[in-house]
mmCIF file of all heavy atoms, coordinates in Angstrom:
data_MODEL
# 
_entry.id   MODEL 
# 
loop_
_atom_site.group_PDB 
_atom_site.id 
_atom_site.type_symbol 
_atom_site.label_atom_id 
_atom_site.label_alt_id 
_atom_site.label_comp_id 
_atom_site.label_asym_id 
_atom_site.label_entity_id 
_atom_site.label_seq_id 
_atom_site.pdbx_PDB_ins_code 
_atom_site.Cartn_x 
_atom_site.Cartn_y 
_atom_site.Cartn_z 
_atom_site.occupancy 
_atom_site.B_iso_or_equiv 
_atom_site.pdbx_formal_charge 
_atom_site.auth_seq_id 
_atom_site.auth_comp_id 
_atom_site.auth_asym_id 
_atom_site.auth_atom_id 
_atom_site.pdbx_PDB_model_num 
ATOM 1   N N   . LEU A 1 1  ? 7.170  13.341 3.957  1.00 0.00 ? 1  LEU A N   1 
ATOM 2   C CA  . LEU A 1 1  ? 8.091  13.232 2.820  1.00 0.00 ? 1  LEU A CA  1 
ATOM 3   C C   . LEU A 1 1  ? 8.920  11.944 2.872  1.00 0.00 ? 1  LEU A C   1 
ATOM 4   O O   . LEU A 1 1  ? 9.139  11.289 1.833  1.00 0.00 ? 1  LEU A O   1 
ATOM 5   C CB  . LEU A 1 1  ? 9.028  14.413 2.737  1.00 0.00 ? 1  LEU A CB  1 
ATOM 6   C CG  . LEU A 1 1  ? 8.379  15.763 2.475  1.00 0.00 ? 1  LEU A CG  1 
ATOM 7   C CD1 . LEU A 1 1  ? 9.394  16.926 2.552  1.00 0.00 ? 1  LEU A CD1 1 
ATOM 8   C CD2 . LEU A 1 1  ? 7.718  15.794 1.062  1.00 0.00 ? 1  LEU A CD2 1 
ATOM 9   N N   . ILE A 1 2  ? 9.318  11.579 4.046  1.00 0.00 ? 2  ILE A N   1 
ATOM 10  C CA  . ILE A 1 2  ? 10.055 10.307 4.212  1.00 0.00 ? 2  ILE A CA  1 
ATOM 11  C C   . ILE A 1 2  ? 9.204  9.123  3.816  1.00 0.00 ? 2  ILE A C   1 
ATOM 12  O O   . ILE A 1 2  ? 9.657  8.204  3.074  1.00 0.00 ? 2  ILE A O   1 
ATOM 13  C CB  . ILE A 1 2  ? 10.539 10.131 5.669  1.00 0.00 ? 2  ILE A CB  1 
ATOM 14  C CG1 . ILE A 1 2  ? 11.709 11.068 5.915  1.00 0.00 ? 2  ILE A CG1 1 
ATOM 15  C CG2 . ILE A 1 2  ? 10.986 8.692  5.933  1.00 0.00 ? 2  ILE A CG2 1 
ATOM 16  C CD1 . ILE A 1 2  ? 12.162 11.138 7.414  1.00 0.00 ? 2  ILE A CD1 1 
ATOM 17  N N   . LEU A 1 3  ? 7.945  9.081  4.244  1.00 0.00 ? 3  LEU A N   1 
ATOM 18  C CA  . LEU A 1 3  ? 7.038  7.992  3.865  1.00 0.00 ? 3  LEU A CA  1 
ATOM 19  C C   . LEU A 1 3  ? 6.782  7.938  2.392  1.00 0.00 ? 3  LEU A C   1 
ATOM 20  O O   . LEU A 1 3  ? 6.717  6.867  1.766  1.00 0.00 ? 3  LEU A O   1 
ATOM 21  C CB  . LEU A 1 3  ? 5.698  8.140  4.632  1.00 0.00 ? 3  LEU A CB  1 
ATOM 22  C CG  . LEU A 1 3  ? 5.750  7.844  6.133  1.00 0.00 ? 3  LEU A CG  1 
ATOM 23  C CD1 . LEU A 1 3  ? 4.430  8.184  6.789  1.00 0.00 ? 3  LEU A CD1 1 
ATOM 24  C CD2 . LEU A 1 3  ? 6.091  6.363  6.386  1.00 0.00 ? 3  LEU A CD2 1 
ATOM 25  N N   . LYS A 1 4  ? 6.656  9.123  1.737  1.00 0.00 ? 4  LYS A N   1 
ATOM 26  C CA  . LYS A 1 4  ? 6.486  9.162  0.283  1.00 0.00 ? 4  LYS A CA  1 
ATOM 27  C C   . LYS A 1 4  ? 7.711  8.569  -0.404 1.00 0.00 ? 4  LYS A C   1 
ATOM 28  O O   . LYS A 1 4  ? 7.598  7.863  -1.405 1.00 0.00 ? 4  LYS A O   1 
ATOM 29  C CB  . LYS A 1 4  ? 6.250  10.574 -0.168 1.00 0.00 ? 4  LYS A CB  1 
ATOM 30  C CG  . LYS A 1 4  ? 4.830  11.099 0.134  1.00 0.00 ? 4  LYS A CG  1 
ATOM 31  C CD  . LYS A 1 4  ? 4.647  12.514 -0.449 1.00 0.00 ? 4  LYS A CD  1 
ATOM 32  C CE  . LYS A 1 4  ? 3.232  12.994 -0.185 1.00 0.00 ? 4  LYS A CE  1 
ATOM 33  N NZ  . LYS A 1 4  ? 3.018  14.366 -0.770 1.00 0.00 ? 4  LYS A NZ  1 
ATOM 34  N N   . THR A 1 5  ? 8.901  8.894  0.116  1.00 0.00 ? 5  THR A N   1 
ATOM 35  C CA  . THR A 1 5  ? 10.141 8.382  -0.462 1.00 0.00 ? 5  THR A CA  1 
ATOM 36  C C   . THR A 1 5  ? 10.240 6.901  -0.299 1.00 0.00 ? 5  THR A C   1 
ATOM 37  O O   . THR A 1 5  ? 10.616 6.166  -1.222 1.00 0.00 ? 5  THR A O   1 
ATOM 38  C CB  . THR A 1 5  ? 11.348 9.086  0.162  1.00 0.00 ? 5  THR A CB  1 
ATOM 39  O OG1 . THR A 1 5  ? 11.225 10.490 0.049  1.00 0.00 ? 5  THR A OG1 1 
ATOM 40  C CG2 . THR A 1 5  ? 12.652 8.615  -0.445 1.00 0.00 ? 5  THR A CG2 1 
ATOM 41  N N   . VAL A 1 6  ? 9.867  6.394  0.895  1.00 0.00 ? 6  VAL A N   1 
ATOM 42  C CA  . VAL A 1 6  ? 9.940  4.959  1.203  1.00 0.00 ? 6  VAL A CA  1 
ATOM 43  C C   . VAL A 1 6  ? 8.979  4.177  0.287  1.00 0.00 ? 6  VAL A C   1 
ATOM 44  O O   . VAL A 1 6  ? 9.282  3.069  -0.156 1.00 0.00 ? 6  VAL A O   1 
ATOM 45  C CB  . VAL A 1 6  ? 9.682  4.706  2.685  1.00 0.00 ? 6  VAL A CB  1 
ATOM 46  C CG1 . VAL A 1 6  ? 9.528  3.214  2.952  1.00 0.00 ? 6  VAL A CG1 1 
ATOM 47  C CG2 . VAL A 1 6  ? 10.796 5.279  3.539  1.00 0.00 ? 6  VAL A CG2 1 
ATOM 48  N N   . ARG A 1 7  ? 7.820  4.753  0.055  1.00 0.00 ? 7  ARG A N   1 
ATOM 49  C CA  . ARG A 1 7  ? 6.818  4.087  -0.786 1.00 0.00 ? 7  ARG A CA  1 
ATOM 50  C C   . ARG A 1 7  ? 7.383  3.857  -2.222 1.00 0.00 ? 7  ARG A C   1 
ATOM 51  O O   . ARG A 1 7  ? 6.945  2.946  -2.907 1.00 0.00 ? 7  ARG A O   1 
ATOM 52  C CB  . ARG A 1 7  ? 5.533  4.882  -0.885 1.00 0.00 ? 7  ARG A CB  1 
ATOM 53  C CG  . ARG A 1 7  ? 4.688  4.818  0.380  1.00 0.00 ? 7  ARG A CG  1 
ATOM 54  C CD  . ARG A 1 7  ? 3.410  5.626  0.268  1.00 0.00 ? 7  ARG A CD  1 
ATOM 55  N NE  . ARG A 1 7  ? 2.581  5.141  -0.808 1.00 0.00 ? 7  ARG A NE  1 
ATOM 56  C CZ  . ARG A 1 7  ? 1.480  5.728  -1.279 1.00 0.00 ? 7  ARG A CZ  1 
ATOM 57  N NH1 . ARG A 1 7  ? 1.086  6.866  -0.694 1.00 0.00 ? 7  ARG A NH1 1 
ATOM 58  N NH2 . ARG A 1 7  ? 0.747  5.229  -2.273 1.00 0.00 ? 7  ARG A NH2 1 
ATOM 59  N N   . GLY A 1 8  ? 8.250  4.710  -2.660 1.00 0.00 ? 8  GLY A N   1 
ATOM 60  C CA  . GLY A 1 8  ? 8.870  4.596  -3.988 1.00 0.00 ? 8  GLY A CA  1 
ATOM 61  C C   . GLY A 1 8  ? 9.941  3.554  -4.068 1.00 0.00 ? 8  GLY A C   1 
ATOM 62  O O   . GLY A 1 8  ? 10.453 3.271  -5.180 1.00 0.00 ? 8  GLY A O   1 
ATOM 63  N N   . ILE A 1 9  ? 10.373 3.020  -2.944 1.00 0.00 ? 9  ILE A N   1 
ATOM 64  C CA  . ILE A 1 9  ? 11.427 1.953  -2.951 1.00 0.00 ? 9  ILE A CA  1 
ATOM 65  C C   . ILE A 1 9  ? 10.816 0.656  -3.377 1.00 0.00 ? 9  ILE A C   1 
ATOM 66  O O   . ILE A 1 9  ? 9.812  0.214  -2.787 1.00 0.00 ? 9  ILE A O   1 
ATOM 67  C CB  . ILE A 1 9  ? 12.084 1.899  -1.567 1.00 0.00 ? 9  ILE A CB  1 
ATOM 68  C CG1 . ILE A 1 9  ? 12.739 3.206  -1.166 1.00 0.00 ? 9  ILE A CG1 1 
ATOM 69  C CG2 . ILE A 1 9  ? 13.120 0.756  -1.517 1.00 0.00 ? 9  ILE A CG2 1 
ATOM 70  C CD1 . ILE A 1 9  ? 13.318 3.226  0.233  1.00 0.00 ? 9  ILE A CD1 1 
ATOM 71  N N   . ALA A 1 10 ? 11.452 0.013  -4.319 1.00 0.00 ? 10 ALA A N   1 
ATOM 72  C CA  . ALA A 1 10 ? 10.864 -1.216 -4.899 1.00 0.00 ? 10 ALA A CA  1 
ATOM 73  C C   . ALA A 1 10 ? 10.964 -2.375 -3.913 1.00 0.00 ? 10 ALA A C   1 
ATOM 74  O O   . ALA A 1 10 ? 9.971  -3.121 -3.705 1.00 0.00 ? 10 ALA A O   1 
ATOM 75  C CB  . ALA A 1 10 ? 11.586 -1.551 -6.180 1.00 0.00 ? 10 ALA A CB  1 
ATOM 76  N N   . SER A 1 11 ? 12.110 -2.553 -3.284 1.00 0.00 ? 11 SER A N   1 
ATOM 77  C CA  . SER A 1 11 ? 12.331 -3.704 -2.419 1.00 0.00 ? 11 SER A CA  1 
ATOM 78  C C   . SER A 1 11 ? 11.648 -3.544 -1.102 1.00 0.00 ? 11 SER A C   1 
ATOM 79  O O   . SER A 1 11 ? 11.797 -2.515 -0.416 1.00 0.00 ? 11 SER A O   1 
ATOM 80  C CB  . SER A 1 11 ? 13.849 -3.920 -2.228 1.00 0.00 ? 11 SER A CB  1 
ATOM 81  O OG  . SER A 1 11 ? 14.062 -4.846 -1.202 1.00 0.00 ? 11 SER A OG  1 
ATOM 82  N N   . GLY A 1 12 ? 10.891 -4.577 -0.668 1.00 0.00 ? 12 GLY A N   1 
ATOM 83  C CA  . GLY A 1 12 ? 10.229 -4.579 0.610  1.00 0.00 ? 12 GLY A CA  1 
ATOM 84  C C   . GLY A 1 12 ? 11.229 -4.568 1.766  1.00 0.00 ? 12 GLY A C   1 
ATOM 85  O O   . GLY A 1 12 ? 11.024 -3.964 2.823  1.00 0.00 ? 12 GLY A O   1 
ATOM 86  N N   . GLU A 1 13 ? 12.364 -5.288 1.561  1.00 0.00 ? 13 GLU A N   1 
ATOM 87  C CA  . GLU A 1 13 ? 13.391 -5.335 2.562  1.00 0.00 ? 13 GLU A CA  1 
ATOM 88  C C   . GLU A 1 13 ? 14.037 -3.953 2.767  1.00 0.00 ? 13 GLU A C   1 
ATOM 89  O O   . GLU A 1 13 ? 14.318 -3.542 3.909  1.00 0.00 ? 13 GLU A O   1 
ATOM 90  C CB  . GLU A 1 13 ? 14.453 -6.379 2.167  1.00 0.00 ? 13 GLU A CB  1 
ATOM 91  C CG  . GLU A 1 13 ? 15.530 -6.584 3.237  1.00 0.00 ? 13 GLU A CG  1 
ATOM 92  C CD  . GLU A 1 13 ? 16.545 -7.639 2.800  1.00 0.00 ? 13 GLU A CD  1 
ATOM 93  O OE1 . GLU A 1 13 ? 16.261 -8.405 1.868  1.00 0.00 ? 13 GLU A OE1 1 
ATOM 94  O OE2 . GLU A 1 13 ? 17.611 -7.663 3.372  1.00 0.00 ? 13 GLU A OE2 1 
ATOM 95  N N   . GLU A 1 14 ? 14.249 -3.254 1.658  1.00 0.00 ? 14 GLU A N   1 
ATOM 96  C CA  . GLU A 1 14 ? 14.843 -1.918 1.753  1.00 0.00 ? 14 GLU A CA  1 
ATOM 97  C C   . GLU A 1 14 ? 13.862 -0.953 2.429  1.00 0.00 ? 14 GLU A C   1 
ATOM 98  O O   . GLU A 1 14 ? 14.308 -0.056 3.146  1.00 0.00 ? 14 GLU A O   1 
ATOM 99  C CB  . GLU A 1 14 ? 15.231 -1.413 0.363  1.00 0.00 ? 14 GLU A CB  1 
ATOM 100 C CG  . GLU A 1 14 ? 16.422 -2.145 -0.256 1.00 0.00 ? 14 GLU A CG  1 
ATOM 101 C CD  . GLU A 1 14 ? 17.673 -1.914 0.552  1.00 0.00 ? 14 GLU A CD  1 
ATOM 102 O OE1 . GLU A 1 14 ? 17.919 -0.787 0.978  1.00 0.00 ? 14 GLU A OE1 1 
ATOM 103 O OE2 . GLU A 1 14 ? 18.440 -2.896 0.744  1.00 0.00 ? 14 GLU A OE2 1 
ATOM 104 N N   . LYS A 1 15 ? 12.585 -1.115 2.133  1.00 0.00 ? 15 LYS A N   1 
ATOM 105 C CA  . LYS A 1 15 ? 11.607 -0.275 2.798  1.00 0.00 ? 15 LYS A CA  1 
ATOM 106 C C   . LYS A 1 15 ? 11.645 -0.455 4.306  1.00 0.00 ? 15 LYS A C   1 
ATOM 107 O O   . LYS A 1 15 ? 11.657 0.539  5.076  1.00 0.00 ? 15 LYS A O   1 
ATOM 108 C CB  . LYS A 1 15 ? 10.167 -0.633 2.304  1.00 0.00 ? 15 LYS A CB  1 
ATOM 109 C CG  . LYS A 1 15 ? 9.813  -0.117 0.917  1.00 0.00 ? 15 LYS A CG  1 
ATOM 110 C CD  . LYS A 1 15 ? 8.372  -0.484 0.582  1.00 0.00 ? 15 LYS A CD  1 
ATOM 111 C CE  . LYS A 1 15 ? 7.993  -0.002 -0.808 1.00 0.00 ? 15 LYS A CE  1 
ATOM 112 N NZ  . LYS A 1 15 ? 6.588  -0.379 -1.169 1.00 0.00 ? 15 LYS A NZ  1 
ATOM 113 N N   . ALA A 1 16 ? 11.650 -1.732 4.733  1.00 0.00 ? 16 ALA A N   1 
ATOM 114 C CA  . ALA A 1 16 ? 11.684 -2.016 6.169  1.00 0.00 ? 16 ALA A CA  1 
ATOM 115 C C   . ALA A 1 16 ? 12.949 -1.476 6.790  1.00 0.00 ? 16 ALA A C   1 
ATOM 116 O O   . ALA A 1 16 ? 12.939 -0.926 7.917  1.00 0.00 ? 16 ALA A O   1 
ATOM 117 C CB  . ALA A 1 16 ? 11.573 -3.531 6.403  1.00 0.00 ? 16 ALA A CB  1 
ATOM 118 N N   . LYS A 1 17 ? 14.073 -1.591 6.099  1.00 0.00 ? 17 LYS A N   1 
ATOM 119 C CA  . LYS A 1 17 ? 15.396 -1.138 6.612  1.00 0.00 ? 17 LYS A CA  1 
ATOM 120 C C   . LYS A 1 17 ? 15.332 0.395  6.755  1.00 0.00 ? 17 LYS A C   1 
ATOM 121 O O   . LYS A 1 17 ? 15.822 0.907  7.790  1.00 0.00 ? 17 LYS A O   1 
ATOM 122 C CB  . LYS A 1 17 ? 16.486 -1.558 5.667  1.00 0.00 ? 17 LYS A CB  1 
ATOM 123 C CG  . LYS A 1 17 ? 17.854 -1.219 6.188  1.00 0.00 ? 17 LYS A CG  1 
ATOM 124 C CD  . LYS A 1 17 ? 18.916 -1.711 5.234  1.00 0.00 ? 17 LYS A CD  1 
ATOM 125 C CE  . LYS A 1 17 ? 20.341 -1.359 5.744  1.00 0.00 ? 17 LYS A CE  1 
ATOM 126 N NZ  . LYS A 1 17 ? 21.421 -1.807 4.787  1.00 0.00 ? 17 LYS A NZ  1 
ATOM 127 N N   . ALA A 1 18 ? 14.763 1.105  5.773  1.00 0.00 ? 18 ALA A N   1 
ATOM 128 C CA  . ALA A 1 18 ? 14.711 2.566  5.825  1.00 0.00 ? 18 ALA A CA  1 
ATOM 129 C C   . ALA A 1 18 ? 13.855 3.015  6.972  1.00 0.00 ? 18 ALA A C   1 
ATOM 130 O O   . ALA A 1 18 ? 14.185 3.945  7.734  1.00 0.00 ? 18 ALA A O   1 
ATOM 131 C CB  . ALA A 1 18 ? 14.195 3.099  4.490  1.00 0.00 ? 18 ALA A CB  1 
ATOM 132 N N   . LEU A 1 19 ? 12.678 2.387  7.160  1.00 0.00 ? 19 LEU A N   1 
ATOM 133 C CA  . LEU A 1 19 ? 11.748 2.835  8.217  1.00 0.00 ? 19 LEU A CA  1 
ATOM 134 C C   . LEU A 1 19 ? 12.307 2.461  9.584  1.00 0.00 ? 19 LEU A C   1 
ATOM 135 O O   . LEU A 1 19 ? 12.083 3.174  10.572 1.00 0.00 ? 19 LEU A O   1 
ATOM 136 C CB  . LEU A 1 19 ? 10.414 2.148  8.013  1.00 0.00 ? 19 LEU A CB  1 
ATOM 137 C CG  . LEU A 1 19 ? 9.539  2.698  6.852  1.00 0.00 ? 19 LEU A CG  1 
ATOM 138 C CD1 . LEU A 1 19 ? 8.286  1.901  6.682  1.00 0.00 ? 19 LEU A CD1 1 
ATOM 139 C CD2 . LEU A 1 19 ? 9.200  4.177  7.128  1.00 0.00 ? 19 LEU A CD2 1 
ATOM 140 N N   . ASN A 1 20 ? 13.067 1.353  9.643  1.00 0.00 ? 20 ASN A N   1 
ATOM 141 C CA  . ASN A 1 20 ? 13.604 0.879  10.922 1.00 0.00 ? 20 ASN A CA  1 
ATOM 142 C C   . ASN A 1 20 ? 14.576 1.928  11.536 1.00 0.00 ? 20 ASN A C   1 
ATOM 143 O O   . ASN A 1 20 ? 14.705 2.034  12.733 1.00 0.00 ? 20 ASN A O   1 
ATOM 144 C CB  . ASN A 1 20 ? 14.268 -0.443 10.773 1.00 0.00 ? 20 ASN A CB  1 
ATOM 145 C CG  . ASN A 1 20 ? 14.582 -1.135 12.117 1.00 0.00 ? 20 ASN A CG  1 
ATOM 146 O OD1 . ASN A 1 20 ? 13.687 -1.234 12.965 1.00 0.00 ? 20 ASN A OD1 1 
ATOM 147 N ND2 . ASN A 1 20 ? 15.810 -1.507 12.315 1.00 0.00 ? 20 ASN A ND2 1 
ATOM 148 N N   . THR A 1 21 ? 15.281 2.611  10.642 1.00 0.00 ? 21 THR A N   1 
ATOM 149 C CA  . THR A 1 21 ? 16.263 3.657  11.124 1.00 0.00 ? 21 THR A CA  1 
ATOM 150 C C   . THR A 1 21 ? 15.501 4.855  11.775 1.00 0.00 ? 21 THR A C   1 
ATOM 151 O O   . THR A 1 21 ? 16.132 5.636  12.451 1.00 0.00 ? 21 THR A O   1 
ATOM 152 C CB  . THR A 1 21 ? 17.142 4.150  9.968  1.00 0.00 ? 21 THR A CB  1 
ATOM 153 O OG1 . THR A 1 21 ? 16.322 4.803  8.983  1.00 0.00 ? 21 THR A OG1 1 
ATOM 154 C CG2 . THR A 1 21 ? 17.924 3.020  9.329  1.00 0.00 ? 21 THR A CG2 1 
ATOM 155 N N   . CYS A 1 22 ? 14.222 4.975  11.506 1.00 0.00 ? 22 CYS A N   1 
ATOM 156 C CA  . CYS A 1 22 ? 13.434 6.101  11.991 1.00 0.00 ? 22 CYS A CA  1 
ATOM 157 C C   . CYS A 1 22 ? 12.646 5.806  13.267 1.00 0.00 ? 22 CYS A C   1 
ATOM 158 O O   . CYS A 1 22 ? 12.180 6.722  13.940 1.00 0.00 ? 22 CYS A O   1 
ATOM 159 C CB  . CYS A 1 22 ? 12.451 6.580  10.930 1.00 0.00 ? 22 CYS A CB  1 
ATOM 160 S SG  . CYS A 1 22 ? 13.248 7.147  9.393  1.00 0.00 ? 22 CYS A SG  1 
ATOM 161 N N   . ILE A 1 23 ? 12.479 4.494  13.564 1.00 0.00 ? 23 ILE A N   1 
ATOM 162 C CA  . ILE A 1 23 ? 11.576 4.114  14.633 1.00 0.00 ? 23 ILE A CA  1 
ATOM 163 C C   . ILE A 1 23 ? 11.994 4.710  15.981 1.00 0.00 ? 23 ILE A C   1 
ATOM 164 O O   . ILE A 1 23 ? 11.177 5.218  16.741 1.00 0.00 ? 23 ILE A O   1 
ATOM 165 C CB  . ILE A 1 23 ? 11.490 2.569  14.714 1.00 0.00 ? 23 ILE A CB  1 
ATOM 166 C CG1 . ILE A 1 23 ? 10.705 2.040  13.487 1.00 0.00 ? 23 ILE A CG1 1 
ATOM 167 C CG2 . ILE A 1 23 ? 10.748 2.151  16.012 1.00 0.00 ? 23 ILE A CG2 1 
ATOM 168 C CD1 . ILE A 1 23 ? 10.641 0.552  13.418 1.00 0.00 ? 23 ILE A CD1 1 
ATOM 169 N N   . SER A 1 24 ? 13.282 4.623  16.283 1.00 0.00 ? 24 SER A N   1 
ATOM 170 C CA  . SER A 1 24 ? 13.784 5.118  17.610 1.00 0.00 ? 24 SER A CA  1 
ATOM 171 C C   . SER A 1 24 ? 13.492 6.630  17.715 1.00 0.00 ? 24 SER A C   1 
ATOM 172 O O   . SER A 1 24 ? 13.003 7.089  18.763 1.00 0.00 ? 24 SER A O   1 
ATOM 173 C CB  . SER A 1 24 ? 15.249 4.855  17.741 1.00 0.00 ? 24 SER A CB  1 
ATOM 174 O OG  . SER A 1 24 ? 15.524 3.494  17.690 1.00 0.00 ? 24 SER A OG  1 
ATOM 175 N N   . HIS A 1 25 ? 13.791 7.364  16.638 1.00 0.00 ? 25 HIS A N   1 
ATOM 176 C CA  . HIS A 1 25 ? 13.576 8.801  16.664 1.00 0.00 ? 25 HIS A CA  1 
ATOM 177 C C   . HIS A 1 25 ? 12.087 9.132  16.827 1.00 0.00 ? 25 HIS A C   1 
ATOM 178 O O   . HIS A 1 25 ? 11.714 10.030 17.552 1.00 0.00 ? 25 HIS A O   1 
ATOM 179 C CB  . HIS A 1 25 ? 14.104 9.452  15.393 1.00 0.00 ? 25 HIS A CB  1 
ATOM 180 C CG  . HIS A 1 25 ? 13.897 10.924 15.283 1.00 0.00 ? 25 HIS A CG  1 
ATOM 181 N ND1 . HIS A 1 25 ? 13.002 11.514 14.411 1.00 0.00 ? 25 HIS A ND1 1 
ATOM 182 C CD2 . HIS A 1 25 ? 14.407 11.979 16.021 1.00 0.00 ? 25 HIS A CD2 1 
ATOM 183 C CE1 . HIS A 1 25 ? 13.009 12.823 14.594 1.00 0.00 ? 25 HIS A CE1 1 
ATOM 184 N NE2 . HIS A 1 25 ? 13.863 13.116 15.547 1.00 0.00 ? 25 HIS A NE2 1 
ATOM 185 N N   . ILE A 1 26 ? 11.235 8.423  16.092 1.00 0.00 ? 26 ILE A N   1 
ATOM 186 C CA  . ILE A 1 26 ? 9.793  8.627  16.163 1.00 0.00 ? 26 ILE A CA  1 
ATOM 187 C C   . ILE A 1 26 ? 9.311  8.394  17.605 1.00 0.00 ? 26 ILE A C   1 
ATOM 188 O O   . ILE A 1 26 ? 8.473  9.184  18.182 1.00 0.00 ? 26 ILE A O   1 
ATOM 189 C CB  . ILE A 1 26 ? 9.029  7.708  15.182 1.00 0.00 ? 26 ILE A CB  1 
ATOM 190 C CG1 . ILE A 1 26 ? 9.295  8.138  13.747 1.00 0.00 ? 26 ILE A CG1 1 
ATOM 191 C CG2 . ILE A 1 26 ? 7.507  7.760  15.477 1.00 0.00 ? 26 ILE A CG2 1 
ATOM 192 C CD1 . ILE A 1 26 ? 8.754  7.170  12.720 1.00 0.00 ? 26 ILE A CD1 1 
ATOM 193 N N   . GLY A 1 27 ? 9.842  7.370  18.252 1.00 0.00 ? 27 GLY A N   1 
ATOM 194 C CA  . GLY A 1 27 ? 9.449  7.090  19.632 1.00 0.00 ? 27 GLY A CA  1 
ATOM 195 C C   . GLY A 1 27 ? 9.823  8.243  20.591 1.00 0.00 ? 27 GLY A C   1 
ATOM 196 O O   . GLY A 1 27 ? 9.018  8.692  21.385 1.00 0.00 ? 27 GLY A O   1 
ATOM 197 N N   . CYS A 1 28 ? 11.044 8.780  20.413 1.00 0.00 ? 28 CYS A N   1 
ATOM 198 C CA  . CYS A 1 28 ? 11.482 9.904  21.256 1.00 0.00 ? 28 CYS A CA  1 
ATOM 199 C C   . CYS A 1 28 ? 10.686 11.156 20.969 1.00 0.00 ? 28 CYS A C   1 
ATOM 200 O O   . CYS A 1 28 ? 10.339 11.912 21.866 1.00 0.00 ? 28 CYS A O   1 
ATOM 201 C CB  . CYS A 1 28 ? 12.985 10.193 21.017 1.00 0.00 ? 28 CYS A CB  1 
ATOM 202 S SG  . CYS A 1 28 ? 14.078 8.841  21.553 1.00 0.00 ? 28 CYS A SG  1 
# 
């Protein structure tokens, strides 16, 4: 659901920022 939401974000910079907040959690 997060990925679907991020795909709907127009700005590439905002997409990267949104996904970056999840990277640490995904690693753990």
